[in-house]
Amino acid sequence: MVNENVIITNEMGLHLRPAGEFAKTAAKYECGVLIRKGTKSVDGKKVVSILSANIKKGDKIRIFCDGDDEDEALEALLKTVKNM
């Protein structure tokens, strides 16, 4: 399992469009993907789950990837979040 913190810089946070981009990127990988905000963890491959975390600009989240392609997935997801 690999994981890393990232701070959300998108003015609107992870609203529908960026949550969709995140889930679409996560779905390309076999590994499991979780997003943790505070004490809440959500499935990073499901848009509705991501939206339920109510992630806003300035929030610190931790992305967890667990599986065969976890390193590649984490790198791609961090890039996705930073480019939003």
PDB file of N, CA and C in Angstrom:
ATOM      1  N   MET A   1       0.845  -1.184   0.000  1.00  0.00           N
ATOM      2  CA  MET A   1       0.000   0.000   0.000  1.00  0.00           C
ATOM      3  C   MET A   1       0.882   1.236   0.000  1.00  0.00           C
ATOM      4  N   VAL A   2       0.534   2.169  -0.862  1.00  0.00           N
ATOM      5  CA  VAL A   2       1.221   3.460  -0.914  1.00  0.00           C
ATOM      6  C   VAL A   2       0.189   4.549  -0.678  1.00  0.00           C
ATOM      7  N   ASN A   3       0.660   5.667  -0.130  1.00  0.00           N
ATOM      8  CA  ASN A   3      -0.260   6.775   0.108  1.00  0.00           C
ATOM      9  C   ASN A   3       0.515   8.071   0.191  1.00  0.00           C
ATOM     10  N   GLU A   4      -0.207   9.158  -0.027  1.00  0.00           N
ATOM     11  CA  GLU A   4       0.421  10.478   0.034  1.00  0.00           C
ATOM     12  C   GLU A   4      -0.646  11.536   0.284  1.00  0.00           C
ATOM     13  N   ASN A   5      -0.237  12.567   1.018  1.00  0.00           N
ATOM     14  CA  ASN A   5      -1.116  13.717   1.255  1.00  0.00           C
ATOM     15  C   ASN A   5      -1.037  14.687   0.090  1.00  0.00           C
ATOM     16  N   VAL A   6      -2.146  15.370  -0.143  1.00  0.00           N
ATOM     17  CA  VAL A   6      -2.185  16.429  -1.149  1.00  0.00           C
ATOM     18  C   VAL A   6      -3.200  17.464  -0.675  1.00  0.00           C
ATOM     19  N   ILE A   7      -2.908  18.719  -0.939  1.00  0.00           N
ATOM     20  CA  ILE A   7      -3.832  19.800  -0.594  1.00  0.00           C
ATOM     21  C   ILE A   7      -4.573  20.219  -1.855  1.00  0.00           C
ATOM     22  N   ILE A   8      -5.886  20.328  -1.743  1.00  0.00           N
ATOM     23  CA  ILE A   8      -6.733  20.677  -2.879  1.00  0.00           C
ATOM     24  C   ILE A   8      -6.592  22.170  -3.179  1.00  0.00           C
ATOM     25  N   THR A   9      -6.220  22.489  -4.419  1.00  0.00           N
ATOM     26  CA  THR A   9      -6.026  23.888  -4.819  1.00  0.00           C
ATOM     27  C   THR A   9      -7.116  24.390  -5.753  1.00  0.00           C
ATOM     28  N   ASN A  10      -7.934  23.484  -6.291  1.00  0.00           N
ATOM     29  CA  ASN A  10      -9.023  23.879  -7.176  1.00  0.00           C
ATOM     30  C   ASN A  10      -9.989  24.777  -6.415  1.00  0.00           C
ATOM     31  N   GLU A  11     -10.329  25.920  -6.996  1.00  0.00           N
ATOM     32  CA  GLU A  11     -11.218  26.897  -6.351  1.00  0.00           C
ATOM     33  C   GLU A  11     -12.538  26.282  -5.894  1.00  0.00           C
ATOM     34  N   MET A  12     -13.035  25.322  -6.644  1.00  0.00           N
ATOM     35  CA  MET A  12     -14.332  24.712  -6.338  1.00  0.00           C
ATOM     36  C   MET A  12     -14.192  23.393  -5.577  1.00  0.00           C
ATOM     37  N   GLY A  13     -12.968  23.007  -5.229  1.00  0.00           N
ATOM     38  CA  GLY A  13     -12.777  21.729  -4.553  1.00  0.00           C
ATOM     39  C   GLY A  13     -13.006  20.577  -5.518  1.00  0.00           C
ATOM     40  N   LEU A  14     -13.350  19.417  -4.970  1.00  0.00           N
ATOM     41  CA  LEU A  14     -13.632  18.258  -5.827  1.00  0.00           C
ATOM     42  C   LEU A  14     -15.140  18.189  -6.078  1.00  0.00           C
ATOM     43  N   HIS A  15     -15.632  19.136  -6.875  1.00  0.00           N
ATOM     44  CA  HIS A  15     -17.028  19.122  -7.279  1.00  0.00           C
ATOM     45  C   HIS A  15     -17.207  18.094  -8.388  1.00  0.00           C
ATOM     46  N   LEU A  16     -18.336  18.073  -9.051  1.00  0.00           N
ATOM     47  CA  LEU A  16     -18.680  16.981  -9.969  1.00  0.00           C
ATOM     48  C   LEU A  16     -17.639  16.722 -11.060  1.00  0.00           C
ATOM     49  N   ARG A  17     -17.224  17.747 -11.777  1.00  0.00           N
ATOM     50  CA  ARG A  17     -16.284  17.519 -12.892  1.00  0.00           C
ATOM     51  C   ARG A  17     -14.947  16.961 -12.412  1.00  0.00           C
ATOM     52  N   PRO A  18     -14.263  17.603 -11.436  1.00  0.00           N
ATOM     53  CA  PRO A  18     -12.987  17.033 -11.002  1.00  0.00           C
ATOM     54  C   PRO A  18     -13.141  15.689 -10.284  1.00  0.00           C
ATOM     55  N   ALA A  19     -14.243  15.491  -9.590  1.00  0.00           N
ATOM     56  CA  ALA A  19     -14.475  14.184  -8.950  1.00  0.00           C
ATOM     57  C   ALA A  19     -14.604  13.109 -10.028  1.00  0.00           C
ATOM     58  N   GLY A  20     -15.261  13.464 -11.131  1.00  0.00           N
ATOM     59  CA  GLY A  20     -15.385  12.543 -12.253  1.00  0.00           C
ATOM     60  C   GLY A  20     -14.043  12.235 -12.895  1.00  0.00           C
ATOM     61  N   GLU A  21     -13.218  13.255 -13.046  1.00  0.00           N
ATOM     62  CA  GLU A  21     -11.876  13.052 -13.599  1.00  0.00           C
ATOM     63  C   GLU A  21     -11.061  12.137 -12.699  1.00  0.00           C
ATOM     64  N   PHE A  22     -11.151  12.373 -11.392  1.00  0.00           N
ATOM     65  CA  PHE A  22     -10.409  11.551 -10.435  1.00  0.00           C
ATOM     66  C   PHE A  22     -10.858  10.093 -10.535  1.00  0.00           C
ATOM     67  N   ALA A  23     -12.173   9.863 -10.492  1.00  0.00           N
ATOM     68  CA  ALA A  23     -12.715   8.504 -10.554  1.00  0.00           C
ATOM     69  C   ALA A  23     -12.360   7.823 -11.875  1.00  0.00           C
ATOM     70  N   LYS A  24     -12.401   8.568 -12.973  1.00  0.00           N
ATOM     71  CA  LYS A  24     -12.052   8.010 -14.284  1.00  0.00           C
ATOM     72  C   LYS A  24     -10.588   7.576 -14.317  1.00  0.00           C
ATOM     73  N   THR A  25      -9.716   8.392 -13.749  1.00  0.00           N
ATOM     74  CA  THR A  25      -8.294   8.034 -13.683  1.00  0.00           C
ATOM     75  C   THR A  25      -8.111   6.809 -12.792  1.00  0.00           C
ATOM     76  N   ALA A  26      -8.757   6.801 -11.626  1.00  0.00           N
ATOM     77  CA  ALA A  26      -8.634   5.683 -10.692  1.00  0.00           C
ATOM     78  C   ALA A  26      -9.114   4.374 -11.317  1.00  0.00           C
ATOM     79  N   ALA A  27     -10.156   4.448 -12.126  1.00  0.00           N
ATOM     80  CA  ALA A  27     -10.734   3.247 -12.738  1.00  0.00           C
ATOM     81  C   ALA A  27      -9.797   2.584 -13.745  1.00  0.00           C
ATOM     82  N   LYS A  28      -8.785   3.296 -14.203  1.00  0.00           N
ATOM     83  CA  LYS A  28      -7.829   2.737 -15.162  1.00  0.00           C
ATOM     84  C   LYS A  28      -6.893   1.724 -14.509  1.00  0.00           C
ATOM     85  N   TYR A  29      -6.899   1.669 -13.190  1.00  0.00           N
ATOM     86  CA  TYR A  29      -5.944   0.827 -12.456  1.00  0.00           C
ATOM     87  C   TYR A  29      -6.666  -0.287 -11.713  1.00  0.00           C
ATOM     88  N   GLU A  30      -5.960  -1.404 -11.565  1.00  0.00           N
ATOM     89  CA  GLU A  30      -6.508  -2.574 -10.885  1.00  0.00           C
ATOM     90  C   GLU A  30      -6.587  -2.374  -9.372  1.00  0.00           C
ATOM     91  N   CYS A  31      -5.677  -1.602  -8.822  1.00  0.00           N
ATOM     92  CA  CYS A  31      -5.578  -1.455  -7.372  1.00  0.00           C
ATOM     93  C   CYS A  31      -6.790  -0.738  -6.788  1.00  0.00           C
ATOM     94  N   GLY A  32      -6.999  -0.940  -5.501  1.00  0.00           N
ATOM     95  CA  GLY A  32      -8.030  -0.201  -4.792  1.00  0.00           C
ATOM     96  C   GLY A  32      -7.562   1.223  -4.540  1.00  0.00           C
ATOM     97  N   VAL A  33      -8.491   2.160  -4.532  1.00  0.00           N
ATOM     98  CA  VAL A  33      -8.160   3.571  -4.302  1.00  0.00           C
ATOM     99  C   VAL A  33      -9.110   4.124  -3.237  1.00  0.00           C
ATOM    100  N   LEU A  34      -8.527   4.674  -2.188  1.00  0.00           N
ATOM    101  CA  LEU A  34      -9.300   5.332  -1.139  1.00  0.00           C
ATOM    102  C   LEU A  34      -8.836   6.770  -0.996  1.00  0.00           C
ATOM    103  N   ILE A  35      -9.780   7.632  -0.654  1.00  0.00           N
ATOM    104  CA  ILE A  35      -9.459   9.017  -0.312  1.00  0.00           C
ATOM    105  C   ILE A  35      -9.873   9.208   1.136  1.00  0.00           C
ATOM    106  N   ARG A  36      -8.968   9.733   1.940  1.00  0.00           N
ATOM    107  CA  ARG A  36      -9.290  10.016   3.329  1.00  0.00           C
ATOM    108  C   ARG A  36      -9.224  11.521   3.565  1.00  0.00           C
ATOM    109  N   LYS A  37     -10.299  12.055   4.128  1.00  0.00           N
ATOM    110  CA  LYS A  37     -10.358  13.455   4.559  1.00  0.00           C
ATOM    111  C   LYS A  37     -10.742  13.416   6.030  1.00  0.00           C
ATOM    112  N   GLY A  38      -9.809  13.800   6.875  1.00  0.00           N
ATOM    113  CA  GLY A  38     -10.055  13.694   8.309  1.00  0.00           C
ATOM    114  C   GLY A  38     -10.220  12.233   8.684  1.00  0.00           C
ATOM    115  N   THR A  39     -11.357  11.900   9.269  1.00  0.00           N
ATOM    116  CA  THR A  39     -11.605  10.510   9.669  1.00  0.00           C
ATOM    117  C   THR A  39     -12.477   9.766   8.664  1.00  0.00           C
ATOM    118  N   LYS A  40     -12.904  10.436   7.613  1.00  0.00           N
ATOM    119  CA  LYS A  40     -13.777   9.826   6.612  1.00  0.00           C
ATOM    120  C   LYS A  40     -12.968   9.287   5.449  1.00  0.00           C
ATOM    121  N   SER A  41     -13.221   8.034   5.079  1.00  0.00           N
ATOM    122  CA  SER A  41     -12.584   7.416   3.918  1.00  0.00           C
ATOM    123  C   SER A  41     -13.658   7.066   2.898  1.00  0.00           C
ATOM    124  N   VAL A  42     -13.370   7.344   1.624  1.00  0.00           N
ATOM    125  CA  VAL A  42     -14.328   7.059   0.552  1.00  0.00           C
ATOM    126  C   VAL A  42     -13.634   6.346  -0.595  1.00  0.00           C
ATOM    127  N   ASP A  43     -14.423   5.644  -1.388  1.00  0.00           N
ATOM    128  CA  ASP A  43     -13.931   4.914  -2.558  1.00  0.00           C
ATOM    129  C   ASP A  43     -13.568   5.914  -3.650  1.00  0.00           C
ATOM    130  N   GLY A  44     -12.307   5.938  -4.052  1.00  0.00           N
ATOM    131  CA  GLY A  44     -11.829   6.875  -5.051  1.00  0.00           C
ATOM    132  C   GLY A  44     -12.207   6.528  -6.473  1.00  0.00           C
ATOM    133  N   LYS A  45     -12.897   5.402  -6.654  1.00  0.00           N
ATOM    134  CA  LYS A  45     -13.332   5.010  -7.999  1.00  0.00           C
ATOM    135  C   LYS A  45     -14.801   5.316  -8.240  1.00  0.00           C
ATOM    136  N   LYS A  46     -15.473   5.888  -7.236  1.00  0.00           N
ATOM    137  CA  LYS A  46     -16.911   6.185  -7.349  1.00  0.00           C
ATOM    138  C   LYS A  46     -17.152   7.675  -7.138  1.00  0.00           C
ATOM    139  N   VAL A  47     -17.691   8.323  -8.152  1.00  0.00           N
ATOM    140  CA  VAL A  47     -17.926   9.761  -8.111  1.00  0.00           C
ATOM    141  C   VAL A  47     -18.808  10.142  -6.918  1.00  0.00           C
ATOM    142  N   VAL A  48     -19.863   9.408  -6.688  1.00  0.00           N
ATOM    143  CA  VAL A  48     -20.781   9.725  -5.592  1.00  0.00           C
ATOM    144  C   VAL A  48     -20.058   9.664  -4.249  1.00  0.00           C
ATOM    145  N   SER A  49     -19.182   8.683  -4.080  1.00  0.00           N
ATOM    146  CA  SER A  49     -18.409   8.576  -2.834  1.00  0.00           C
ATOM    147  C   SER A  49     -17.495   9.781  -2.656  1.00  0.00           C
ATOM    148  N   ILE A  50     -16.838  10.181  -3.736  1.00  0.00           N
ATOM    149  CA  ILE A  50     -15.938  11.339  -3.667  1.00  0.00           C
ATOM    150  C   ILE A  50     -16.726  12.596  -3.309  1.00  0.00           C
ATOM    151  N   LEU A  51     -17.872  12.778  -3.937  1.00  0.00           N
ATOM    152  CA  LEU A  51     -18.700  13.946  -3.649  1.00  0.00           C
ATOM    153  C   LEU A  51     -19.178  13.943  -2.196  1.00  0.00           C
ATOM    154  N   SER A  52     -19.430  12.761  -1.643  1.00  0.00           N
ATOM    155  CA  SER A  52     -19.922  12.674  -0.263  1.00  0.00           C
ATOM    156  C   SER A  52     -18.893  13.134   0.760  1.00  0.00           C
ATOM    157  N   ALA A  53     -17.617  13.169   0.362  1.00  0.00           N
ATOM    158  CA  ALA A  53     -16.557  13.610   1.283  1.00  0.00           C
ATOM    159  C   ALA A  53     -16.530  15.132   1.422  1.00  0.00           C
ATOM    160  N   ASN A  54     -17.245  15.841   0.528  1.00  0.00           N
ATOM    161  CA  ASN A  54     -17.343  17.302   0.604  1.00  0.00           C
ATOM    162  C   ASN A  54     -15.958  17.962   0.680  1.00  0.00           C
ATOM    163  N   ILE A  55     -15.112  17.660  -0.292  1.00  0.00           N
ATOM    164  CA  ILE A  55     -13.732  18.142  -0.317  1.00  0.00           C
ATOM    165  C   ILE A  55     -13.684  19.528  -0.944  1.00  0.00           C
ATOM    166  N   LYS A  56     -13.208  20.481  -0.183  1.00  0.00           N
ATOM    167  CA  LYS A  56     -13.166  21.888  -0.583  1.00  0.00           C
ATOM    168  C   LYS A  56     -11.728  22.355  -0.831  1.00  0.00           C
ATOM    169  N   LYS A  57     -11.600  23.539  -1.419  1.00  0.00           N
ATOM    170  CA  LYS A  57     -10.276  24.143  -1.619  1.00  0.00           C
ATOM    171  C   LYS A  57      -9.594  24.301  -0.260  1.00  0.00           C
ATOM    172  N   GLY A  58      -8.323  23.926  -0.209  1.00  0.00           N
ATOM    173  CA  GLY A  58      -7.536  24.038   1.013  1.00  0.00           C
ATOM    174  C   GLY A  58      -7.571  22.805   1.890  1.00  0.00           C
ATOM    175  N   ASP A  59      -8.482  21.868   1.598  1.00  0.00           N
ATOM    176  CA  ASP A  59      -8.541  20.633   2.384  1.00  0.00           C
ATOM    177  C   ASP A  59      -7.334  19.756   2.082  1.00  0.00           C
ATOM    178  N   LYS A  60      -6.850  19.090   3.122  1.00  0.00           N
ATOM    179  CA  LYS A  60      -5.777  18.110   2.939  1.00  0.00           C
ATOM    180  C   LYS A  60      -6.426  16.736   2.902  1.00  0.00           C
ATOM    181  N   ILE A  61      -6.132  16.001   1.835  1.00  0.00           N
ATOM    182  CA  ILE A  61      -6.626  14.634   1.719  1.00  0.00           C
ATOM    183  C   ILE A  61      -5.426  13.705   1.600  1.00  0.00           C
ATOM    184  N   ARG A  62      -5.664  12.450   1.915  1.00  0.00           N
ATOM    185  CA  ARG A  62      -4.632  11.425   1.723  1.00  0.00           C
ATOM    186  C   ARG A  62      -5.208  10.411   0.742  1.00  0.00           C
ATOM    187  N   ILE A  63      -4.430  10.112  -0.290  1.00  0.00           N
ATOM    188  CA  ILE A  63      -4.830   9.138  -1.300  1.00  0.00           C
ATOM    189  C   ILE A  63      -4.086   7.839  -1.016  1.00  0.00           C
ATOM    190  N   PHE A  64      -4.847   6.747  -0.911  1.00  0.00           N
ATOM    191  CA  PHE A  64      -4.284   5.417  -0.674  1.00  0.00           C
ATOM    192  C   PHE A  64      -4.523   4.557  -1.902  1.00  0.00           C
ATOM    193  N   CYS A  65      -3.486   3.847  -2.337  1.00  0.00           N
ATOM    194  CA  CYS A  65      -3.609   2.889  -3.429  1.00  0.00           C
ATOM    195  C   CYS A  65      -3.035   1.570  -2.934  1.00  0.00           C
ATOM    196  N   ASP A  66      -3.775   0.485  -3.177  1.00  0.00           N
ATOM    197  CA  ASP A  66      -3.349  -0.824  -2.686  1.00  0.00           C
ATOM    198  C   ASP A  66      -3.616  -1.885  -3.752  1.00  0.00           C
ATOM    199  N   GLY A  67      -2.535  -2.431  -4.305  1.00  0.00           N
ATOM    200  CA  GLY A  67      -2.661  -3.474  -5.321  1.00  0.00           C
ATOM    201  C   GLY A  67      -1.446  -3.505  -6.225  1.00  0.00           C
ATOM    202  N   ASP A  68      -1.532  -4.319  -7.254  1.00  0.00           N
ATOM    203  CA  ASP A  68      -0.390  -4.557  -8.143  1.00  0.00           C
ATOM    204  C   ASP A  68       0.167  -3.302  -8.805  1.00  0.00           C
ATOM    205  N   ASP A  69      -0.686  -2.399  -9.221  1.00  0.00           N
ATOM    206  CA  ASP A  69      -0.226  -1.199  -9.935  1.00  0.00           C
ATOM    207  C   ASP A  69      -0.352   0.064  -9.081  1.00  0.00           C
ATOM    208  N   GLU A  70      -0.196  -0.102  -7.778  1.00  0.00           N
ATOM    209  CA  GLU A  70      -0.420   1.001  -6.832  1.00  0.00           C
ATOM    210  C   GLU A  70       0.490   2.200  -7.056  1.00  0.00           C
ATOM    211  N   ASP A  71       1.750   1.967  -7.372  1.00  0.00           N
ATOM    212  CA  ASP A  71       2.680   3.092  -7.566  1.00  0.00           C
ATOM    213  C   ASP A  71       2.273   3.950  -8.763  1.00  0.00           C
ATOM    214  N   GLU A  72       1.935   3.300  -9.863  1.00  0.00           N
ATOM    215  CA  GLU A  72       1.525   4.024 -11.061  1.00  0.00           C
ATOM    216  C   GLU A  72       0.214   4.768 -10.816  1.00  0.00           C
ATOM    217  N   ALA A  73      -0.699   4.112 -10.125  1.00  0.00           N
ATOM    218  CA  ALA A  73      -1.996   4.736  -9.838  1.00  0.00           C
ATOM    219  C   ALA A  73      -1.823   5.977  -8.973  1.00  0.00           C
ATOM    220  N   LEU A  74      -1.032   5.869  -7.910  1.00  0.00           N
ATOM    221  CA  LEU A  74      -0.843   7.018  -7.021  1.00  0.00           C
ATOM    222  C   LEU A  74      -0.221   8.187  -7.778  1.00  0.00           C
ATOM    223  N   GLU A  75       0.775   7.913  -8.587  1.00  0.00           N
ATOM    224  CA  GLU A  75       1.423   8.964  -9.368  1.00  0.00           C
ATOM    225  C   GLU A  75       0.411   9.655 -10.293  1.00  0.00           C
ATOM    226  N   ALA A  76      -0.414   8.874 -10.976  1.00  0.00           N
ATOM    227  CA  ALA A  76      -1.400   9.437 -11.897  1.00  0.00           C
ATOM    228  C   ALA A  76      -2.467  10.240 -11.146  1.00  0.00           C
ATOM    229  N   LEU A  77      -2.897   9.758  -9.995  1.00  0.00           N
ATOM    230  CA  LEU A  77      -3.935  10.451  -9.228  1.00  0.00           C
ATOM    231  C   LEU A  77      -3.417  11.754  -8.624  1.00  0.00           C
ATOM    232  N   LEU A  78      -2.181  11.745  -8.153  1.00  0.00           N
ATOM    233  CA  LEU A  78      -1.590  12.979  -7.629  1.00  0.00           C
ATOM    234  C   LEU A  78      -1.478  14.018  -8.745  1.00  0.00           C
ATOM    235  N   LYS A  79      -1.078  13.575  -9.923  1.00  0.00           N
ATOM    236  CA  LYS A  79      -0.978  14.480 -11.076  1.00  0.00           C
ATOM    237  C   LYS A  79      -2.353  15.035 -11.440  1.00  0.00           C
ATOM    238  N   THR A  80      -3.371  14.173 -11.400  1.00  0.00           N
ATOM    239  CA  THR A  80      -4.739  14.602 -11.703  1.00  0.00           C
ATOM    240  C   THR A  80      -5.196  15.694 -10.736  1.00  0.00           C
ATOM    241  N   VAL A  81      -4.970  15.472  -9.455  1.00  0.00           N
ATOM    242  CA  VAL A  81      -5.403  16.438  -8.438  1.00  0.00           C
ATOM    243  C   VAL A  81      -4.636  17.761  -8.584  1.00  0.00           C
ATOM    244  N   LYS A  82      -3.347  17.681  -8.823  1.00  0.00           N
ATOM    245  CA  LYS A  82      -2.534  18.895  -8.919  1.00  0.00           C
ATOM    246  C   LYS A  82      -2.846  19.699 -10.181  1.00  0.00           C
ATOM    247  N   ASN A  83      -3.391  19.060 -11.215  1.00  0.00           N
ATOM    248  CA  ASN A  83      -3.702  19.749 -12.466  1.00  0.00           C
ATOM    249  C   ASN A  83      -5.146  20.229 -12.553  1.00  0.00           C
ATOM    250  N   MET A  84      -5.882  20.106 -11.481  1.00  0.00           N
ATOM    251  CA  MET A  84      -7.296  20.538 -11.492  1.00  0.00           C
ATOM    252  C   MET A  84      -7.407  22.031 -11.354  1.00  0.00           C
TER     253      MET A  84
END
